Amino acid sequence: MKTRFLQAFLVSVLIIACGFWFTGCCCCKKQATKEPAQTVKPEAKNQQTSEQKPQQSAQPTTQVKQEGMTQTKKEDDGGWEPMFDGQTLYGWEVINYPGKGEVTVKDGQIILGMGYMTGIRWTNEPPHMNYEVEYEAMRVDSTDFFGSLTFLVNTNPCTFILGGWGGGTVGISSLDDMDASENETSKFMNFENGKWYKVRVRVTESKIQVWINNEKIIDVVHKGRKVSLRPGDIELSAPFGFSTWSTTGALRNIRIRKVSGPE
């Protein structure tokens, strides 16, 4: 009996030991099959990086477009240069007319206040030939000239009168010693208080030309003629300036550019 019991016990121990050995081998096999799958992750990262590279190459195209827009804007401005910054009298000085009114800057405008004569003069080197000046002027109050421009024809100053002699005369003072009420540039126009008028004065080697609201009103040959200022206080506006007479006037959008000849 003892021998049989001992044999049964040994058989049981042997069966249990074989069971442990078989379980350990299965676990080792499962771990071995999982390890190769870990090598796939680096490849996925490399694919993602290569897909992002083409997106970075789009930046130079945007830069080229921006440069093109800047060049177009430069070409479209027509060569105009501003003479008034809309905020200060930088580049200008108040003319010391006897009985002058107050000069102020407000809402992007230069206000030439009521006085016997009121005006401003350009403090930098003025243009002499082959140029044009454009500005907007408004008679705020009263009935006489409200945005007259003194300018140079070569070295000789003269004045474009805007709404003088009772409020409606325009012309050049002076040609051959005849002022704007006497020479062939004299015209009568109706100017309304509180209304803006765009003026463009063009000076070339042969002509003086003037437009009001894009309508040409003066086209006169100055070559071979005496160009001068009308004697009087207006001479203080030389060589380049704006004046009013017994009137409150306003100016804005003053600019200048070079030209090659008559238009």
C-alpha atoms as a PDB file:
ATOM      1  CA  MET A   1       0.000   0.000   0.000  1.00  0.00           C
ATOM      2  CA  LYS A   2       2.743   2.415   0.915  1.00  0.00           C
ATOM      3  CA  THR A   3       4.493   1.748  -2.381  1.00  0.00           C
ATOM      4  CA  ARG A   4       1.389   2.488  -4.406  1.00  0.00           C
ATOM      5  CA  PHE A   5       0.712   5.683  -2.441  1.00  0.00           C
ATOM      6  CA  LEU A   6       4.270   6.882  -3.024  1.00  0.00           C
ATOM      7  CA  GLN A   7       4.005   6.162  -6.733  1.00  0.00           C
ATOM      8  CA  ALA A   8       0.728   8.109  -6.985  1.00  0.00           C
ATOM      9  CA  PHE A   9       2.248  11.055  -5.141  1.00  0.00           C
ATOM     10  CA  LEU A  10       5.261  11.218  -7.453  1.00  0.00           C
ATOM     11  CA  VAL A  11       3.024  11.059 -10.526  1.00  0.00           C
ATOM     12  CA  SER A  12       0.991  14.004  -9.184  1.00  0.00           C
ATOM     13  CA  VAL A  13       4.122  16.088  -8.557  1.00  0.00           C
ATOM     14  CA  LEU A  14       5.385  15.314 -12.037  1.00  0.00           C
ATOM     15  CA  ILE A  15       2.070  16.369 -13.613  1.00  0.00           C
ATOM     16  CA  ILE A  16       2.067  19.684 -11.687  1.00  0.00           C
ATOM     17  CA  ALA A  17       5.669  20.436 -12.688  1.00  0.00           C
ATOM     18  CA  CYS A  18       4.904  19.800 -16.345  1.00  0.00           C
ATOM     19  CA  GLY A  19       1.937  22.178 -16.077  1.00  0.00           C
ATOM     20  CA  PHE A  20       4.144  25.036 -14.783  1.00  0.00           C
ATOM     21  CA  TRP A  21       6.709  24.395 -17.498  1.00  0.00           C
ATOM     22  CA  PHE A  22       4.066  24.499 -20.278  1.00  0.00           C
ATOM     23  CA  THR A  23       2.537  27.765 -18.983  1.00  0.00           C
ATOM     24  CA  GLY A  24       5.945  29.491 -18.892  1.00  0.00           C
ATOM     25  CA  CYS A  25       6.699  28.567 -22.485  1.00  0.00           C
ATOM     26  CA  CYS A  26       3.370  30.018 -23.704  1.00  0.00           C
ATOM     27  CA  CYS A  27       4.018  33.359 -21.998  1.00  0.00           C
ATOM     28  CA  CYS A  28       7.447  33.625 -23.589  1.00  0.00           C
ATOM     29  CA  LYS A  29       5.944  33.004 -27.023  1.00  0.00           C
ATOM     30  CA  LYS A  30       3.320  35.779 -26.557  1.00  0.00           C
ATOM     31  CA  GLN A  31       5.971  38.344 -25.560  1.00  0.00           C
ATOM     32  CA  ALA A  32       8.107  37.388 -28.530  1.00  0.00           C
ATOM     33  CA  THR A  33       5.238  38.018 -30.982  1.00  0.00           C
ATOM     34  CA  LYS A  34       4.497  41.545 -29.582  1.00  0.00           C
ATOM     35  CA  GLU A  35       8.038  42.982 -30.003  1.00  0.00           C
ATOM     36  CA  PRO A  36       8.103  43.343 -33.850  1.00  0.00           C
ATOM     37  CA  ALA A  37       4.950  45.565 -33.800  1.00  0.00           C
ATOM     38  CA  GLN A  38       6.839  48.363 -31.949  1.00  0.00           C
ATOM     39  CA  THR A  39       9.077  49.069 -34.985  1.00  0.00           C
ATOM     40  CA  VAL A  40       6.123  50.447 -37.028  1.00  0.00           C
ATOM     41  CA  LYS A  41       5.790  53.745 -35.030  1.00  0.00           C
ATOM     42  CA  PRO A  42       8.971  55.515 -36.292  1.00  0.00           C
ATOM     43  CA  GLU A  43       7.840  54.974 -39.891  1.00  0.00           C
ATOM     44  CA  ALA A  44       4.487  56.738 -39.234  1.00  0.00           C
ATOM     45  CA  LYS A  45       6.309  59.750 -37.773  1.00  0.00           C
ATOM     46  CA  ASN A  46       8.533  60.020 -40.840  1.00  0.00           C
ATOM     47  CA  GLN A  47       5.508  60.028 -43.158  1.00  0.00           C
ATOM     48  CA  GLN A  48       3.838  62.855 -41.203  1.00  0.00           C
ATOM     49  CA  THR A  49       6.965  65.053 -41.404  1.00  0.00           C
ATOM     50  CA  SER A  50       7.302  64.618 -45.156  1.00  0.00           C
ATOM     51  CA  GLU A  51       3.654  65.647 -45.662  1.00  0.00           C
ATOM     52  CA  GLN A  52       4.182  68.927 -43.786  1.00  0.00           C
ATOM     53  CA  LYS A  53       7.122  70.128 -45.927  1.00  0.00           C
ATOM     54  CA  PRO A  54       5.136  71.191 -49.062  1.00  0.00           C
ATOM     55  CA  GLN A  55       2.963  73.530 -46.943  1.00  0.00           C
ATOM     56  CA  GLN A  56       6.016  75.629 -45.932  1.00  0.00           C
ATOM     57  CA  SER A  57       6.930  76.346 -49.574  1.00  0.00           C
ATOM     58  CA  ALA A  58       3.802  78.540 -50.050  1.00  0.00           C
ATOM     59  CA  GLN A  59       5.260  81.551 -48.133  1.00  0.00           C
ATOM     60  CA  PRO A  60       7.418  83.041 -50.968  1.00  0.00           C
ATOM     61  CA  THR A  61       4.331  83.206 -53.239  1.00  0.00           C
ATOM     62  CA  THR A  62       2.488  85.371 -50.701  1.00  0.00           C
ATOM     63  CA  GLN A  63       5.486  87.710 -50.436  1.00  0.00           C
ATOM     64  CA  VAL A  64       5.610  88.214 -54.207  1.00  0.00           C
ATOM     65  CA  LYS A  65       1.928  89.151 -54.276  1.00  0.00           C
ATOM     66  CA  GLN A  66       2.427  91.767 -51.542  1.00  0.00           C
ATOM     67  CA  GLU A  67       5.324  93.324 -53.432  1.00  0.00           C
ATOM     68  CA  GLY A  68       3.196  93.508 -56.569  1.00  0.00           C
ATOM     69  CA  MET A  69       0.426  95.337 -54.694  1.00  0.00           C
ATOM     70  CA  THR A  70       2.934  97.902 -53.411  1.00  0.00           C
ATOM     71  CA  GLN A  71       4.291  98.545 -56.890  1.00  0.00           C
ATOM     72  CA  THR A  72       0.782  98.966 -58.309  1.00  0.00           C
ATOM     73  CA  LYS A  73      -0.076 101.503 -55.620  1.00  0.00           C
ATOM     74  CA  LYS A  74       3.074 103.478 -56.465  1.00  0.00           C
ATOM     75  CA  GLU A  75       2.230 103.567 -60.149  1.00  0.00           C
ATOM     76  CA  ASP A  76      -1.396 104.524 -59.542  1.00  0.00           C
ATOM     77  CA  ASP A  77      -0.602 107.661 -57.463  1.00  0.00           C
ATOM     78  CA  GLY A  78       0.500 109.517 -60.623  1.00  0.00           C
ATOM     79  CA  GLY A  79       3.649 110.936 -59.050  1.00  0.00           C
ATOM     80  CA  TRP A  80       1.773 113.279 -56.687  1.00  0.00           C
ATOM     81  CA  GLU A  81       3.500 114.432 -53.499  1.00  0.00           C
ATOM     82  CA  PRO A  82       1.483 115.917 -50.604  1.00  0.00           C
ATOM     83  CA  MET A  83       2.257 119.472 -49.445  1.00  0.00           C
ATOM     84  CA  PHE A  84      -0.086 119.410 -46.445  1.00  0.00           C
ATOM     85  CA  ASP A  85      -0.136 116.660 -43.807  1.00  0.00           C
ATOM     86  CA  GLY A  86      -3.729 117.376 -42.806  1.00  0.00           C
ATOM     87  CA  GLN A  87      -2.796 118.047 -39.168  1.00  0.00           C
ATOM     88  CA  THR A  88      -0.207 120.851 -38.934  1.00  0.00           C
ATOM     89  CA  LEU A  89       1.281 123.778 -40.864  1.00  0.00           C
ATOM     90  CA  TYR A  90       4.530 121.857 -41.299  1.00  0.00           C
ATOM     91  CA  GLY A  91       6.284 123.278 -44.384  1.00  0.00           C
ATOM     92  CA  TRP A  92       4.211 126.487 -44.286  1.00  0.00           C
ATOM     93  CA  GLU A  93       4.397 129.846 -42.519  1.00  0.00           C
ATOM     94  CA  VAL A  94       1.750 132.486 -41.931  1.00  0.00           C
ATOM     95  CA  ILE A  95       2.234 135.519 -44.193  1.00  0.00           C
ATOM     96  CA  ASN A  96       2.577 138.727 -42.234  1.00  0.00           C
ATOM     97  CA  TYR A  97      -0.129 140.648 -44.082  1.00  0.00           C
ATOM     98  CA  PRO A  98      -1.288 143.880 -42.434  1.00  0.00           C
ATOM     99  CA  GLY A  99      -4.632 143.169 -40.740  1.00  0.00           C
ATOM    100  CA  LYS A 100      -4.311 139.408 -41.298  1.00  0.00           C
ATOM    101  CA  GLY A 101      -6.813 136.935 -39.889  1.00  0.00           C
ATOM    102  CA  GLU A 102      -6.079 133.830 -37.824  1.00  0.00           C
ATOM    103  CA  VAL A 103      -4.723 130.707 -39.540  1.00  0.00           C
ATOM    104  CA  THR A 104      -5.697 127.356 -38.030  1.00  0.00           C
ATOM    105  CA  VAL A 105      -5.741 123.664 -38.947  1.00  0.00           C
ATOM    106  CA  LYS A 106      -8.938 121.736 -38.259  1.00  0.00           C
ATOM    107  CA  ASP A 107     -10.504 118.532 -39.612  1.00  0.00           C
ATOM    108  CA  GLY A 108      -7.831 118.127 -42.299  1.00  0.00           C
ATOM    109  CA  GLN A 109      -8.251 121.724 -43.501  1.00  0.00           C
ATOM    110  CA  ILE A 110      -6.212 124.916 -43.352  1.00  0.00           C
ATOM    111  CA  ILE A 111      -8.577 127.715 -42.342  1.00  0.00           C
ATOM    112  CA  LEU A 112      -7.557 131.203 -43.508  1.00  0.00           C
ATOM    113  CA  GLY A 113      -9.599 133.386 -41.171  1.00  0.00           C
ATOM    114  CA  MET A 114     -11.297 136.648 -41.998  1.00  0.00           C
ATOM    115  CA  GLY A 115      -8.939 139.621 -42.220  1.00  0.00           C
ATOM    116  CA  TYR A 116      -7.846 142.317 -44.622  1.00  0.00           C
ATOM    117  CA  MET A 117      -5.659 139.635 -46.230  1.00  0.00           C
ATOM    118  CA  THR A 118      -4.738 136.235 -44.805  1.00  0.00           C
ATOM    119  CA  GLY A 119      -2.337 133.678 -46.231  1.00  0.00           C
ATOM    120  CA  ILE A 120       0.358 131.026 -45.921  1.00  0.00           C
ATOM    121  CA  ARG A 121       3.682 130.675 -47.744  1.00  0.00           C
ATOM    122  CA  TRP A 122       5.678 127.523 -48.576  1.00  0.00           C
ATOM    123  CA  THR A 123       8.966 127.442 -46.637  1.00  0.00           C
ATOM    124  CA  ASN A 124      10.813 124.912 -48.814  1.00  0.00           C
ATOM    125  CA  GLU A 125      12.301 125.400 -52.266  1.00  0.00           C
ATOM    126  CA  PRO A 126       9.357 125.993 -54.632  1.00  0.00           C
ATOM    127  CA  PRO A 127       9.067 124.468 -58.107  1.00  0.00           C
ATOM    128  CA  HIS A 128       9.998 126.684 -61.065  1.00  0.00           C
ATOM    129  CA  MET A 129       8.966 124.910 -64.257  1.00  0.00           C
ATOM    130  CA  ASN A 130       7.236 121.765 -65.573  1.00  0.00           C
ATOM    131  CA  TYR A 131       5.032 121.061 -62.591  1.00  0.00           C
ATOM    132  CA  GLU A 132       1.425 121.186 -61.517  1.00  0.00           C
ATOM    133  CA  VAL A 133      -0.281 121.925 -58.214  1.00  0.00           C
ATOM    134  CA  GLU A 134      -3.668 120.560 -57.205  1.00  0.00           C
ATOM    135  CA  TYR A 135      -5.747 121.636 -54.221  1.00  0.00           C
ATOM    136  CA  GLU A 136      -9.313 122.053 -53.018  1.00  0.00           C
ATOM    137  CA  ALA A 137     -10.599 125.427 -51.831  1.00  0.00           C
ATOM    138  CA  MET A 138     -13.839 126.609 -50.243  1.00  0.00           C
ATOM    139  CA  ARG A 139     -15.185 130.055 -49.505  1.00  0.00           C
ATOM    140  CA  VAL A 140     -16.484 129.729 -45.966  1.00  0.00           C
ATOM    141  CA  ASP A 141     -17.718 133.264 -45.498  1.00  0.00           C
ATOM    142  CA  SER A 142     -17.877 136.641 -47.310  1.00  0.00           C
ATOM    143  CA  THR A 143     -17.642 137.425 -51.038  1.00  0.00           C
ATOM    144  CA  ASP A 144     -14.088 137.747 -52.356  1.00  0.00           C
ATOM    145  CA  PHE A 145     -11.142 135.558 -53.380  1.00  0.00           C
ATOM    146  CA  PHE A 146     -10.774 132.549 -51.120  1.00  0.00           C
ATOM    147  CA  GLY A 147      -7.976 130.282 -52.415  1.00  0.00           C
ATOM    148  CA  SER A 148      -5.724 132.284 -54.715  1.00  0.00           C
ATOM    149  CA  LEU A 149      -2.370 130.671 -55.486  1.00  0.00           C
ATOM    150  CA  THR A 150       0.884 132.547 -56.049  1.00  0.00           C
ATOM    151  CA  PHE A 151       3.373 130.406 -58.006  1.00  0.00           C
ATOM    152  CA  LEU A 152       6.528 130.620 -60.109  1.00  0.00           C
ATOM    153  CA  VAL A 153       6.872 130.628 -63.889  1.00  0.00           C
ATOM    154  CA  ASN A 154      10.590 130.034 -64.152  1.00  0.00           C
ATOM    155  CA  THR A 155      11.813 132.755 -61.722  1.00  0.00           C
ATOM    156  CA  ASN A 156       8.812 135.075 -62.070  1.00  0.00           C
ATOM    157  CA  PRO A 157       5.882 134.851 -59.616  1.00  0.00           C
ATOM    158  CA  CYS A 158       2.251 135.446 -60.554  1.00  0.00           C
ATOM    159  CA  THR A 159      -1.105 134.677 -58.944  1.00  0.00           C
ATOM    160  CA  PHE A 160      -4.106 132.631 -59.978  1.00  0.00           C
ATOM    161  CA  ILE A 161      -7.053 134.623 -58.627  1.00  0.00           C
ATOM    162  CA  LEU A 162      -9.983 132.484 -57.468  1.00  0.00           C
ATOM    163  CA  GLY A 163     -13.207 134.446 -57.016  1.00  0.00           C
ATOM    164  CA  GLY A 164     -11.889 138.017 -56.896  1.00  0.00           C
ATOM    165  CA  TRP A 165     -13.341 141.410 -57.798  1.00  0.00           C
ATOM    166  CA  GLY A 166     -16.689 140.925 -56.112  1.00  0.00           C
ATOM    167  CA  GLY A 167     -16.549 137.126 -55.849  1.00  0.00           C
ATOM    168  CA  GLY A 168     -16.617 135.686 -59.376  1.00  0.00           C
ATOM    169  CA  THR A 169     -13.477 136.678 -61.313  1.00  0.00           C
ATOM    170  CA  VAL A 170     -10.770 134.113 -62.117  1.00  0.00           C
ATOM    171  CA  GLY A 171      -7.562 134.720 -64.052  1.00  0.00           C
ATOM    172  CA  ILE A 172      -3.793 135.260 -63.911  1.00  0.00           C
ATOM    173  CA  SER A 173      -2.306 138.362 -62.308  1.00  0.00           C
ATOM    174  CA  SER A 174      -0.370 139.574 -64.144  1.00  0.00           C
ATOM    175  CA  LEU A 175       0.538 139.173 -67.825  1.00  0.00           C
ATOM    176  CA  ASP A 176       2.231 142.128 -69.511  1.00  0.00           C
ATOM    177  CA  ASP A 177       1.299 144.231 -66.461  1.00  0.00           C
ATOM    178  CA  MET A 178      -2.412 143.460 -66.869  1.00  0.00           C
ATOM    179  CA  ASP A 179      -4.087 141.773 -63.897  1.00  0.00           C
ATOM    180  CA  ALA A 180      -6.704 139.018 -63.815  1.00  0.00           C
ATOM    181  CA  SER A 181      -9.549 141.452 -64.433  1.00  0.00           C
ATOM    182  CA  GLU A 182      -7.869 142.890 -67.556  1.00  0.00           C
ATOM    183  CA  ASN A 183      -6.020 140.213 -69.572  1.00  0.00           C
ATOM    184  CA  GLU A 184      -7.354 137.372 -71.756  1.00  0.00           C
ATOM    185  CA  THR A 185      -7.392 134.858 -68.878  1.00  0.00           C
ATOM    186  CA  SER A 186     -10.182 136.773 -67.110  1.00  0.00           C
ATOM    187  CA  LYS A 187     -13.450 134.876 -66.663  1.00  0.00           C
ATOM    188  CA  PHE A 188     -16.483 135.148 -64.415  1.00  0.00           C
ATOM    189  CA  MET A 189     -17.730 132.124 -62.459  1.00  0.00           C
ATOM    190  CA  ASN A 190     -20.351 131.649 -59.792  1.00  0.00           C
ATOM    191  CA  PHE A 191     -18.866 130.321 -56.527  1.00  0.00           C
ATOM    192  CA  GLU A 192     -21.094 129.148 -53.697  1.00  0.00           C
ATOM    193  CA  ASN A 193     -20.103 129.551 -50.062  1.00  0.00           C
ATOM    194  CA  GLY A 194     -19.632 126.228 -48.269  1.00  0.00           C
ATOM    195  CA  LYS A 195     -18.794 124.304 -51.463  1.00  0.00           C
ATOM    196  CA  TRP A 196     -15.436 122.724 -52.313  1.00  0.00           C
ATOM    197  CA  TYR A 197     -13.771 123.453 -55.666  1.00  0.00           C
ATOM    198  CA  LYS A 198     -10.872 121.385 -57.008  1.00  0.00           C
ATOM    199  CA  VAL A 199      -8.195 123.525 -58.675  1.00  0.00           C
ATOM    200  CA  ARG A 200      -5.257 122.316 -60.795  1.00  0.00           C
ATOM    201  CA  VAL A 201      -2.574 124.740 -62.004  1.00  0.00           C
ATOM    202  CA  ARG A 202      -0.051 123.486 -64.594  1.00  0.00           C
ATOM    203  CA  VAL A 203       3.125 125.375 -65.532  1.00  0.00           C
ATOM    204  CA  THR A 204       5.281 124.332 -68.502  1.00  0.00           C
ATOM    205  CA  GLU A 205       7.919 126.056 -70.616  1.00  0.00           C
ATOM    206  CA  SER A 206       5.315 127.536 -72.933  1.00  0.00           C
ATOM    207  CA  LYS A 207       1.950 127.620 -71.119  1.00  0.00           C
ATOM    208  CA  ILE A 208      -0.015 128.247 -67.935  1.00  0.00           C
ATOM    209  CA  GLN A 209      -3.103 126.038 -67.711  1.00  0.00           C
ATOM    210  CA  VAL A 210      -5.783 125.948 -65.006  1.00  0.00           C
ATOM    211  CA  TRP A 211      -8.690 123.567 -64.337  1.00  0.00           C
ATOM    212  CA  ILE A 212     -11.565 123.989 -61.880  1.00  0.00           C
ATOM    213  CA  ASN A 213     -13.484 120.791 -61.142  1.00  0.00           C
ATOM    214  CA  ASN A 214     -11.758 119.157 -64.149  1.00  0.00           C
ATOM    215  CA  GLU A 215     -12.918 121.882 -66.553  1.00  0.00           C
ATOM    216  CA  LYS A 216     -10.103 123.780 -68.259  1.00  0.00           C
ATOM    217  CA  ILE A 217     -10.673 127.507 -67.775  1.00  0.00           C
ATOM    218  CA  ILE A 218      -7.234 128.952 -68.635  1.00  0.00           C
ATOM    219  CA  ASP A 219      -4.862 127.919 -71.424  1.00  0.00           C
ATOM    220  CA  VAL A 220      -2.485 130.793 -72.113  1.00  0.00           C
ATOM    221  CA  VAL A 221       0.996 131.084 -73.655  1.00  0.00           C
ATOM    222  CA  HIS A 222       3.399 132.887 -71.338  1.00  0.00           C
ATOM    223  CA  LYS A 223       6.565 132.479 -73.393  1.00  0.00           C
ATOM    224  CA  GLY A 224       7.827 135.857 -74.605  1.00  0.00           C
ATOM    225  CA  ARG A 225       5.552 137.754 -72.228  1.00  0.00           C
ATOM    226  CA  LYS A 226       6.101 139.557 -68.939  1.00  0.00           C
ATOM    227  CA  VAL A 227       4.906 137.453 -66.014  1.00  0.00           C
ATOM    228  CA  SER A 228       4.612 139.307 -62.709  1.00  0.00           C
ATOM    229  CA  LEU A 229       2.590 139.961 -59.565  1.00  0.00           C
ATOM    230  CA  ARG A 230      -0.012 142.673 -59.261  1.00  0.00           C
ATOM    231  CA  PRO A 231       1.619 145.472 -57.196  1.00  0.00           C
ATOM    232  CA  GLY A 232       0.526 145.464 -53.553  1.00  0.00           C
ATOM    233  CA  ASP A 233       0.373 143.239 -50.482  1.00  0.00           C
ATOM    234  CA  ILE A 234       0.015 140.097 -52.587  1.00  0.00           C
ATOM    235  CA  GLU A 235       3.764 140.382 -53.257  1.00  0.00           C
ATOM    236  CA  LEU A 236       4.310 139.015 -49.714  1.00  0.00           C
ATOM    237  CA  SER A 237       2.961 135.635 -50.877  1.00  0.00           C
ATOM    238  CA  ALA A 238       5.866 135.092 -53.299  1.00  0.00           C
ATOM    239  CA  PRO A 239       7.335 132.793 -54.376  1.00  0.00           C
ATOM    240  CA  PHE A 240       4.665 130.213 -53.503  1.00  0.00           C
ATOM    241  CA  GLY A 241       1.631 130.668 -51.273  1.00  0.00           C
ATOM    242  CA  PHE A 242      -2.139 130.910 -50.786  1.00  0.00           C
ATOM    243  CA  SER A 243      -4.144 134.026 -49.933  1.00  0.00           C
ATOM    244  CA  THR A 244      -7.652 135.284 -49.207  1.00  0.00           C
ATOM    245  CA  TRP A 245      -8.964 138.849 -49.250  1.00  0.00           C
ATOM    246  CA  SER A 246     -11.591 139.974 -46.691  1.00  0.00           C
ATOM    247  CA  THR A 247     -12.876 136.398 -46.751  1.00  0.00           C
ATOM    248  CA  THR A 248     -12.668 133.222 -44.681  1.00  0.00           C
ATOM    249  CA  GLY A 249     -11.343 130.427 -46.870  1.00  0.00           C
ATOM    250  CA  ALA A 250     -10.423 126.762 -46.406  1.00  0.00           C
ATOM    251  CA  LEU A 251      -7.832 124.593 -48.156  1.00  0.00           C
ATOM    252  CA  ARG A 252      -7.266 120.845 -48.232  1.00  0.00           C
ATOM    253  CA  ASN A 253      -5.599 118.047 -50.262  1.00  0.00           C
ATOM    254  CA  ILE A 254      -2.715 120.222 -51.468  1.00  0.00           C
ATOM    255  CA  ARG A 255      -0.273 118.261 -53.625  1.00  0.00           C
ATOM    256  CA  ILE A 256       2.304 118.717 -56.376  1.00  0.00           C
ATOM    257  CA  ARG A 257       3.981 116.690 -59.143  1.00  0.00           C
ATOM    258  CA  LYS A 258       6.401 117.049 -62.045  1.00  0.00           C
ATOM    259  CA  VAL A 259       5.103 117.141 -65.636  1.00  0.00           C
ATOM    260  CA  SER A 260       6.763 117.069 -69.046  1.00  0.00           C
ATOM    261  CA  GLY A 261       4.643 119.521 -71.063  1.00  0.00           C
ATOM    262  CA  PRO A 262       1.231 121.087 -71.685  1.00  0.00           C
ATOM    263  CA  GLU A 263      -1.867 118.937 -71.419  1.00  0.00           C
END
